[in-house]
Full PDB file with SEQRES, HELIX, SHEET, SSBOND, CRYST1, ORIGX, SCALE, CONECT and MASTER records, all heavy atoms in Angstrom:
SEQRES   1 A   29  LYS GLU MET LYS SER LYS SER PRO ILE VAL CYS LEU THR          
SEQRES   2 A   29  ALA TYR THR ALA THR ILE GLY ARG PHE LEU ASP SER GLU          
SEQRES   3 A   29  ALA ASP LEU                                                  
HELIX    1 AA1 ALA A   17  LEU A   23  1                                   7    
CRYST1    1.000    1.000    1.000  90.00  90.00  90.00 P 1           1          
ORIGX1      1.000000  0.000000  0.000000        0.00000                         
ORIGX2      0.000000  1.000000  0.000000        0.00000                         
ORIGX3      0.000000  0.000000  1.000000        0.00000                         
SCALE1      1.000000  0.000000  0.000000        0.00000                         
SCALE2      0.000000  1.000000  0.000000        0.00000                         
SCALE3      0.000000  0.000000  1.000000        0.00000                         
ATOM      1  N   LYS A   1     108.078  56.388  84.314  1.00  0.00           N  
ATOM      2  CA  LYS A   1     106.648  56.895  84.356  1.00  0.00           C  
ATOM      3  C   LYS A   1     106.617  58.382  84.769  1.00  0.00           C  
ATOM      4  O   LYS A   1     105.927  59.159  84.223  1.00  0.00           O  
ATOM      5  CB  LYS A   1     105.779  56.184  85.296  1.00  0.00           C  
ATOM      6  CG  LYS A   1     104.411  56.544  85.379  1.00  0.00           C  
ATOM      7  CD  LYS A   1     103.618  55.652  86.251  1.00  0.00           C  
ATOM      8  CE  LYS A   1     102.142  56.170  86.360  1.00  0.00           C  
ATOM      9  NZ  LYS A   1     101.260  55.453  87.280  1.00  0.00           N  
ATOM     10  N   GLU A   2     107.499  58.758  85.682  1.00  0.00           N  
ATOM     11  CA  GLU A   2     107.598  60.249  86.140  1.00  0.00           C  
ATOM     12  C   GLU A   2     108.109  61.067  85.076  1.00  0.00           C  
ATOM     13  O   GLU A   2     107.748  62.266  84.901  1.00  0.00           O  
ATOM     14  CB  GLU A   2     108.293  60.298  87.487  1.00  0.00           C  
ATOM     15  CG  GLU A   2     107.580  59.819  88.705  1.00  0.00           C  
ATOM     16  CD  GLU A   2     108.518  59.811  89.916  1.00  0.00           C  
ATOM     17  OE1 GLU A   2     109.706  60.075  89.818  1.00  0.00           O  
ATOM     18  OE2 GLU A   2     108.039  59.327  90.999  1.00  0.00           O  
ATOM     19  N   MET A   3     108.928  60.572  84.257  1.00  0.00           N  
ATOM     20  CA  MET A   3     109.665  61.294  83.159  1.00  0.00           C  
ATOM     21  C   MET A   3     108.650  61.540  81.990  1.00  0.00           C  
ATOM     22  O   MET A   3     108.776  62.459  81.257  1.00  0.00           O  
ATOM     23  CB  MET A   3     110.705  60.601  82.606  1.00  0.00           C  
ATOM     24  CG  MET A   3     111.920  60.356  83.323  1.00  0.00           C  
ATOM     25  SD  MET A   3     113.201  59.323  82.654  1.00  0.00           S  
ATOM     26  CE  MET A   3     113.610  60.219  81.208  1.00  0.00           C  
ATOM     27  N   LYS A   4     107.527  60.722  81.821  1.00  0.00           N  
ATOM     28  CA  LYS A   4     106.630  60.706  80.736  1.00  0.00           C  
ATOM     29  C   LYS A   4     106.148  62.132  80.468  1.00  0.00           C  
ATOM     30  O   LYS A   4     106.077  62.483  79.271  1.00  0.00           O  
ATOM     31  CB  LYS A   4     105.496  59.687  81.089  1.00  0.00           C  
ATOM     32  CG  LYS A   4     104.672  59.555  79.755  1.00  0.00           C  
ATOM     33  CD  LYS A   4     103.631  58.412  80.207  1.00  0.00           C  
ATOM     34  CE  LYS A   4     102.578  58.395  78.960  1.00  0.00           C  
ATOM     35  NZ  LYS A   4     101.430  57.490  79.228  1.00  0.00           N  
ATOM     36  N   SER A   5     105.690  62.839  81.420  1.00  0.00           N  
ATOM     37  CA  SER A   5     105.059  64.107  81.024  1.00  0.00           C  
ATOM     38  C   SER A   5     106.016  65.338  81.270  1.00  0.00           C  
ATOM     39  O   SER A   5     105.625  66.428  80.882  1.00  0.00           O  
ATOM     40  CB  SER A   5     103.902  64.325  82.008  1.00  0.00           C  
ATOM     41  OG  SER A   5     104.332  64.283  83.439  1.00  0.00           O  
ATOM     42  N   LYS A   6     107.210  65.048  81.507  1.00  0.00           N  
ATOM     43  CA  LYS A   6     108.365  66.104  81.769  1.00  0.00           C  
ATOM     44  C   LYS A   6     109.324  66.240  80.707  1.00  0.00           C  
ATOM     45  O   LYS A   6     109.796  67.236  80.331  1.00  0.00           O  
ATOM     46  CB  LYS A   6     108.959  65.915  83.166  1.00  0.00           C  
ATOM     47  CG  LYS A   6     107.865  65.989  84.344  1.00  0.00           C  
ATOM     48  CD  LYS A   6     108.697  65.633  85.512  1.00  0.00           C  
ATOM     49  CE  LYS A   6     107.682  65.552  86.787  1.00  0.00           C  
ATOM     50  NZ  LYS A   6     108.216  65.102  87.956  1.00  0.00           N  
ATOM     51  N   SER A   7     109.707  65.063  80.043  1.00  0.00           N  
ATOM     52  CA  SER A   7     110.734  65.099  79.112  1.00  0.00           C  
ATOM     53  C   SER A   7     110.680  63.853  78.119  1.00  0.00           C  
ATOM     54  O   SER A   7     110.168  62.928  78.476  1.00  0.00           O  
ATOM     55  CB  SER A   7     112.303  65.101  79.902  1.00  0.00           C  
ATOM     56  OG  SER A   7     112.348  63.971  80.655  1.00  0.00           O  
ATOM     57  N   PRO A   8     111.493  64.100  76.982  1.00  0.00           N  
ATOM     58  CA  PRO A   8     111.536  62.907  76.128  1.00  0.00           C  
ATOM     59  C   PRO A   8     112.129  61.720  76.736  1.00  0.00           C  
ATOM     60  O   PRO A   8     113.009  61.864  77.600  1.00  0.00           O  
ATOM     61  CB  PRO A   8     112.314  63.384  74.984  1.00  0.00           C  
ATOM     62  CG  PRO A   8     112.367  64.837  75.033  1.00  0.00           C  
ATOM     63  CD  PRO A   8     112.118  65.217  76.566  1.00  0.00           C  
ATOM     64  N   ILE A   9     111.664  60.485  76.350  1.00  0.00           N  
ATOM     65  CA  ILE A   9     112.287  59.308  76.907  1.00  0.00           C  
ATOM     66  C   ILE A   9     113.017  58.577  75.806  1.00  0.00           C  
ATOM     67  O   ILE A   9     112.447  58.437  74.754  1.00  0.00           O  
ATOM     68  CB  ILE A   9     111.210  58.302  77.548  1.00  0.00           C  
ATOM     69  CG1 ILE A   9     110.484  59.026  78.690  1.00  0.00           C  
ATOM     70  CG2 ILE A   9     111.831  57.051  77.952  1.00  0.00           C  
ATOM     71  CD1 ILE A   9     109.276  58.373  79.230  1.00  0.00           C  
ATOM     72  N   VAL A  10     114.292  58.256  76.070  1.00  0.00           N  
ATOM     73  CA  VAL A  10     115.053  57.686  75.021  1.00  0.00           C  
ATOM     74  C   VAL A  10     115.226  56.162  75.264  1.00  0.00           C  
ATOM     75  O   VAL A  10     115.607  55.770  76.344  1.00  0.00           O  
ATOM     76  CB  VAL A  10     116.597  58.298  75.031  1.00  0.00           C  
ATOM     77  CG1 VAL A  10     117.328  57.572  73.910  1.00  0.00           C  
ATOM     78  CG2 VAL A  10     116.473  59.713  74.767  1.00  0.00           C  
ATOM     79  N   CYS A  11     114.764  55.405  74.270  1.00  0.00           N  
ATOM     80  CA  CYS A  11     114.991  53.949  74.318  1.00  0.00           C  
ATOM     81  C   CYS A  11     115.688  53.469  73.097  1.00  0.00           C  
ATOM     82  O   CYS A  11     115.518  53.761  71.999  1.00  0.00           O  
ATOM     83  CB  CYS A  11     113.457  53.283  74.221  1.00  0.00           C  
ATOM     84  SG  CYS A  11     113.570  51.471  74.299  1.00  0.00           S  
ATOM     85  N   LEU A  12     116.772  52.676  73.491  1.00  0.00           N  
ATOM     86  CA  LEU A  12     117.562  52.191  72.468  1.00  0.00           C  
ATOM     87  C   LEU A  12     117.694  50.612  72.684  1.00  0.00           C  
ATOM     88  O   LEU A  12     117.545  50.135  73.698  1.00  0.00           O  
ATOM     89  CB  LEU A  12     119.086  52.879  72.598  1.00  0.00           C  
ATOM     90  CG  LEU A  12     119.064  54.202  72.246  1.00  0.00           C  
ATOM     91  CD1 LEU A  12     120.446  54.820  72.681  1.00  0.00           C  
ATOM     92  CD2 LEU A  12     118.768  54.648  70.824  1.00  0.00           C  
ATOM     93  N   THR A  13     118.191  49.892  71.514  1.00  0.00           N  
ATOM     94  CA  THR A  13     118.228  48.403  71.568  1.00  0.00           C  
ATOM     95  C   THR A  13     119.628  48.005  71.807  1.00  0.00           C  
ATOM     96  O   THR A  13     120.477  48.481  71.160  1.00  0.00           O  
ATOM     97  CB  THR A  13     117.693  47.895  70.295  1.00  0.00           C  
ATOM     98  OG1 THR A  13     116.418  48.285  69.964  1.00  0.00           O  
ATOM     99  CG2 THR A  13     117.784  46.310  70.391  1.00  0.00           C  
ATOM    100  N   ALA A  14     119.779  47.164  72.716  1.00  0.00           N  
ATOM    101  CA  ALA A  14     121.096  46.636  73.058  1.00  0.00           C  
ATOM    102  C   ALA A  14     121.041  45.051  73.167  1.00  0.00           C  
ATOM    103  O   ALA A  14     120.058  44.590  73.833  1.00  0.00           O  
ATOM    104  CB  ALA A  14     121.599  47.153  74.401  1.00  0.00           C  
ATOM    105  N   TYR A  15     121.953  44.325  72.499  1.00  0.00           N  
ATOM    106  CA  TYR A  15     121.808  42.863  72.426  1.00  0.00           C  
ATOM    107  C   TYR A  15     123.029  42.204  73.241  1.00  0.00           C  
ATOM    108  O   TYR A  15     123.096  41.058  73.638  1.00  0.00           O  
ATOM    109  CB  TYR A  15     121.926  42.260  71.082  1.00  0.00           C  
ATOM    110  CG  TYR A  15     120.785  42.772  70.120  1.00  0.00           C  
ATOM    111  CD1 TYR A  15     121.074  43.401  69.100  1.00  0.00           C  
ATOM    112  CD2 TYR A  15     119.395  42.489  70.524  1.00  0.00           C  
ATOM    113  CE1 TYR A  15     120.045  43.854  68.158  1.00  0.00           C  
ATOM    114  CE2 TYR A  15     118.376  42.975  69.699  1.00  0.00           C  
ATOM    115  CZ  TYR A  15     118.773  43.530  68.499  1.00  0.00           C  
ATOM    116  OH  TYR A  15     117.738  44.026  67.722  1.00  0.00           O  
ATOM    117  N   THR A  16     124.005  43.051  73.482  1.00  0.00           N  
ATOM    118  CA  THR A  16     125.333  42.552  74.098  1.00  0.00           C  
ATOM    119  C   THR A  16     125.825  43.449  75.124  1.00  0.00           C  
ATOM    120  O   THR A  16     125.311  44.684  75.243  1.00  0.00           O  
ATOM    121  CB  THR A  16     126.452  42.394  73.010  1.00  0.00           C  
ATOM    122  OG1 THR A  16     126.793  43.818  72.488  1.00  0.00           O  
ATOM    123  CG2 THR A  16     125.966  41.483  71.842  1.00  0.00           C  
ATOM    124  N   ALA A  17     126.790  42.975  75.936  1.00  0.00           N  
ATOM    125  CA  ALA A  17     127.387  43.743  76.999  1.00  0.00           C  
ATOM    126  C   ALA A  17     128.102  45.050  76.491  1.00  0.00           C  
ATOM    127  O   ALA A  17     127.908  45.993  76.935  1.00  0.00           O  
ATOM    128  CB  ALA A  17     128.314  42.966  77.854  1.00  0.00           C  
ATOM    129  N   THR A  18     128.763  44.761  75.358  1.00  0.00           N  
ATOM    130  CA  THR A  18     129.487  45.882  74.757  1.00  0.00           C  
ATOM    131  C   THR A  18     128.558  47.007  74.337  1.00  0.00           C  
ATOM    132  O   THR A  18     128.742  48.296  74.691  1.00  0.00           O  
ATOM    133  CB  THR A  18     130.245  45.508  73.654  1.00  0.00           C  
ATOM    134  OG1 THR A  18     131.220  44.436  74.060  1.00  0.00           O  
ATOM    135  CG2 THR A  18     131.157  46.608  72.829  1.00  0.00           C  
ATOM    136  N   ILE A  19     127.460  46.604  73.705  1.00  0.00           N  
ATOM    137  CA  ILE A  19     126.454  47.679  73.144  1.00  0.00           C  
ATOM    138  C   ILE A  19     125.854  48.332  74.427  1.00  0.00           C  
ATOM    139  O   ILE A  19     125.594  49.515  74.478  1.00  0.00           O  
ATOM    140  CB  ILE A  19     125.501  47.080  72.166  1.00  0.00           C  
ATOM    141  CG1 ILE A  19     126.243  46.682  70.898  1.00  0.00           C  
ATOM    142  CG2 ILE A  19     124.464  48.137  71.836  1.00  0.00           C  
ATOM    143  CD1 ILE A  19     125.470  45.940  69.965  1.00  0.00           C  
ATOM    144  N   GLY A  20     125.366  47.450  75.430  1.00  0.00           N  
ATOM    145  CA  GLY A  20     124.747  47.991  76.571  1.00  0.00           C  
ATOM    146  C   GLY A  20     125.556  48.997  77.378  1.00  0.00           C  
ATOM    147  O   GLY A  20     125.082  50.020  77.834  1.00  0.00           O  
ATOM    148  N   ARG A  21     126.905  48.704  77.457  1.00  0.00           N  
ATOM    149  CA  ARG A  21     127.768  49.534  78.135  1.00  0.00           C  
ATOM    150  C   ARG A  21     127.938  50.902  77.431  1.00  0.00           C  
ATOM    151  O   ARG A  21     127.892  52.051  77.974  1.00  0.00           O  
ATOM    152  CB  ARG A  21     129.244  48.909  78.296  1.00  0.00           C  
ATOM    153  CG  ARG A  21     130.211  49.676  79.175  1.00  0.00           C  
ATOM    154  CD  ARG A  21     131.572  48.816  79.324  1.00  0.00           C  
ATOM    155  NE  ARG A  21     131.231  47.577  79.896  1.00  0.00           N  
ATOM    156  CZ  ARG A  21     131.360  46.349  79.247  1.00  0.00           C  
ATOM    157  NH1 ARG A  21     131.686  46.379  78.040  1.00  0.00           N  
ATOM    158  NH2 ARG A  21     131.217  45.303  79.787  1.00  0.00           N  
ATOM    159  N   PHE A  22     128.035  50.754  76.096  1.00  0.00           N  
ATOM    160  CA  PHE A  22     128.262  51.943  75.200  1.00  0.00           C  
ATOM    161  C   PHE A  22     126.901  52.814  75.211  1.00  0.00           C  
ATOM    162  O   PHE A  22     127.145  54.148  75.300  1.00  0.00           O  
ATOM    163  CB  PHE A  22     128.457  51.532  73.797  1.00  0.00           C  
ATOM    164  CG  PHE A  22     128.722  52.670  72.800  1.00  0.00           C  
ATOM    165  CD1 PHE A  22     129.874  53.370  72.902  1.00  0.00           C  
ATOM    166  CD2 PHE A  22     127.704  53.011  71.910  1.00  0.00           C  
ATOM    167  CE1 PHE A  22     130.111  54.423  71.916  1.00  0.00           C  
ATOM    168  CE2 PHE A  22     127.982  53.996  70.965  1.00  0.00           C  
ATOM    169  CZ  PHE A  22     129.151  54.854  71.031  1.00  0.00           C  
ATOM    170  N   LEU A  23     125.729  52.251  75.256  1.00  0.00           N  
ATOM    171  CA  LEU A  23     124.515  53.027  75.101  1.00  0.00           C  
ATOM    172  C   LEU A  23     123.973  53.497  76.478  1.00  0.00           C  
ATOM    173  O   LEU A  23     123.071  54.285  76.625  1.00  0.00           O  
ATOM    174  CB  LEU A  23     123.488  52.291  74.444  1.00  0.00           C  
ATOM    175  CG  LEU A  23     123.725  51.900  72.981  1.00  0.00           C  
ATOM    176  CD1 LEU A  23     122.623  51.010  72.450  1.00  0.00           C  
ATOM    177  CD2 LEU A  23     123.879  53.235  72.196  1.00  0.00           C  
ATOM    178  N   ASP A  24     124.402  52.972  77.545  1.00  0.00           N  
ATOM    179  CA  ASP A  24     123.830  53.263  78.913  1.00  0.00           C  
ATOM    180  C   ASP A  24     123.774  54.682  79.263  1.00  0.00           C  
ATOM    181  O   ASP A  24     122.754  55.180  79.706  1.00  0.00           O  
ATOM    182  CB  ASP A  24     124.805  52.490  80.000  1.00  0.00           C  
ATOM    183  CG  ASP A  24     124.103  52.500  81.384  1.00  0.00           C  
ATOM    184  OD1 ASP A  24     122.968  52.275  81.333  1.00  0.00           O  
ATOM    185  OD2 ASP A  24     124.944  52.614  82.318  1.00  0.00           O  
ATOM    186  N   SER A  25     124.772  55.448  78.906  1.00  0.00           N  
ATOM    187  CA  SER A  25     124.891  56.953  79.369  1.00  0.00           C  
ATOM    188  C   SER A  25     123.837  57.692  78.402  1.00  0.00           C  
ATOM    189  O   SER A  25     123.668  58.832  78.710  1.00  0.00           O  
ATOM    190  CB  SER A  25     126.240  57.427  79.245  1.00  0.00           C  
ATOM    191  OG  SER A  25     126.666  57.348  77.982  1.00  0.00           O  
ATOM    192  N   GLU A  26     123.417  57.140  77.299  1.00  0.00           N  
ATOM    193  CA  GLU A  26     122.653  57.845  76.276  1.00  0.00           C  
ATOM    194  C   GLU A  26     121.145  57.471  76.366  1.00  0.00           C  
ATOM    195  O   GLU A  26     120.322  58.162  75.844  1.00  0.00           O  
ATOM    196  CB  GLU A  26     123.157  57.483  74.944  1.00  0.00           C  
ATOM    197  CG  GLU A  26     124.462  57.789  74.620  1.00  0.00           C  
ATOM    198  CD  GLU A  26     124.992  59.237  74.834  1.00  0.00           C  
ATOM    199  OE1 GLU A  26     124.307  60.115  74.556  1.00  0.00           O  
ATOM    200  OE2 GLU A  26     126.024  59.496  75.521  1.00  0.00           O  
ATOM    201  N   ALA A  27     120.800  56.422  76.984  1.00  0.00           N  
ATOM    202  CA  ALA A  27     119.387  55.931  77.034  1.00  0.00           C  
ATOM    203  C   ALA A  27     118.734  55.923  78.428  1.00  0.00           C  
ATOM    204  O   ALA A  27     119.473  55.656  79.359  1.00  0.00           O  
ATOM    205  CB  ALA A  27     119.334  54.548  76.335  1.00  0.00           C  
ATOM    206  N   ASP A  28     117.455  56.099  78.447  1.00  0.00           N  
ATOM    207  CA  ASP A  28     116.794  55.943  79.718  1.00  0.00           C  
ATOM    208  C   ASP A  28     116.270  54.491  79.795  1.00  0.00           C  
ATOM    209  O   ASP A  28     116.309  53.825  80.890  1.00  0.00           O  
ATOM    210  CB  ASP A  28     115.404  56.909  79.697  1.00  0.00           C  
ATOM    211  CG  ASP A  28     115.775  58.273  79.531  1.00  0.00           C  
ATOM    212  OD1 ASP A  28     116.627  58.716  80.368  1.00  0.00           O  
ATOM    213  OD2 ASP A  28     115.357  58.892  78.632  1.00  0.00           O  
ATOM    214  N   LEU A  29     115.994  53.865  78.703  1.00  0.00           N  
ATOM    215  CA  LEU A  29     115.579  52.472  78.499  1.00  0.00           C  
ATOM    216  C   LEU A  29     116.500  51.710  77.528  1.00  0.00           C  
ATOM    217  O   LEU A  29     116.782  52.289  76.493  1.00  0.00           O  
ATOM    218  CB  LEU A  29     114.208  52.314  77.981  1.00  0.00           C  
ATOM    219  CG  LEU A  29     112.985  52.802  78.859  1.00  0.00           C  
ATOM    220  CD1 LEU A  29     111.736  53.008  78.051  1.00  0.00           C  
ATOM    221  CD2 LEU A  29     112.776  51.975  79.999  1.00  0.00           C  
TER     222      LEU A  29                                                      
MASTER        0    0    0    1    0    0    0    6  221    1    0    3          
END                                                                             
């Protein structure tokens, strides 16, 4: 919520541990 007015928020879809681990450093959500 604090990021909303200050910077873009990145949301990516992850269905598995492997994808979640890979995308974690790139996404806010």
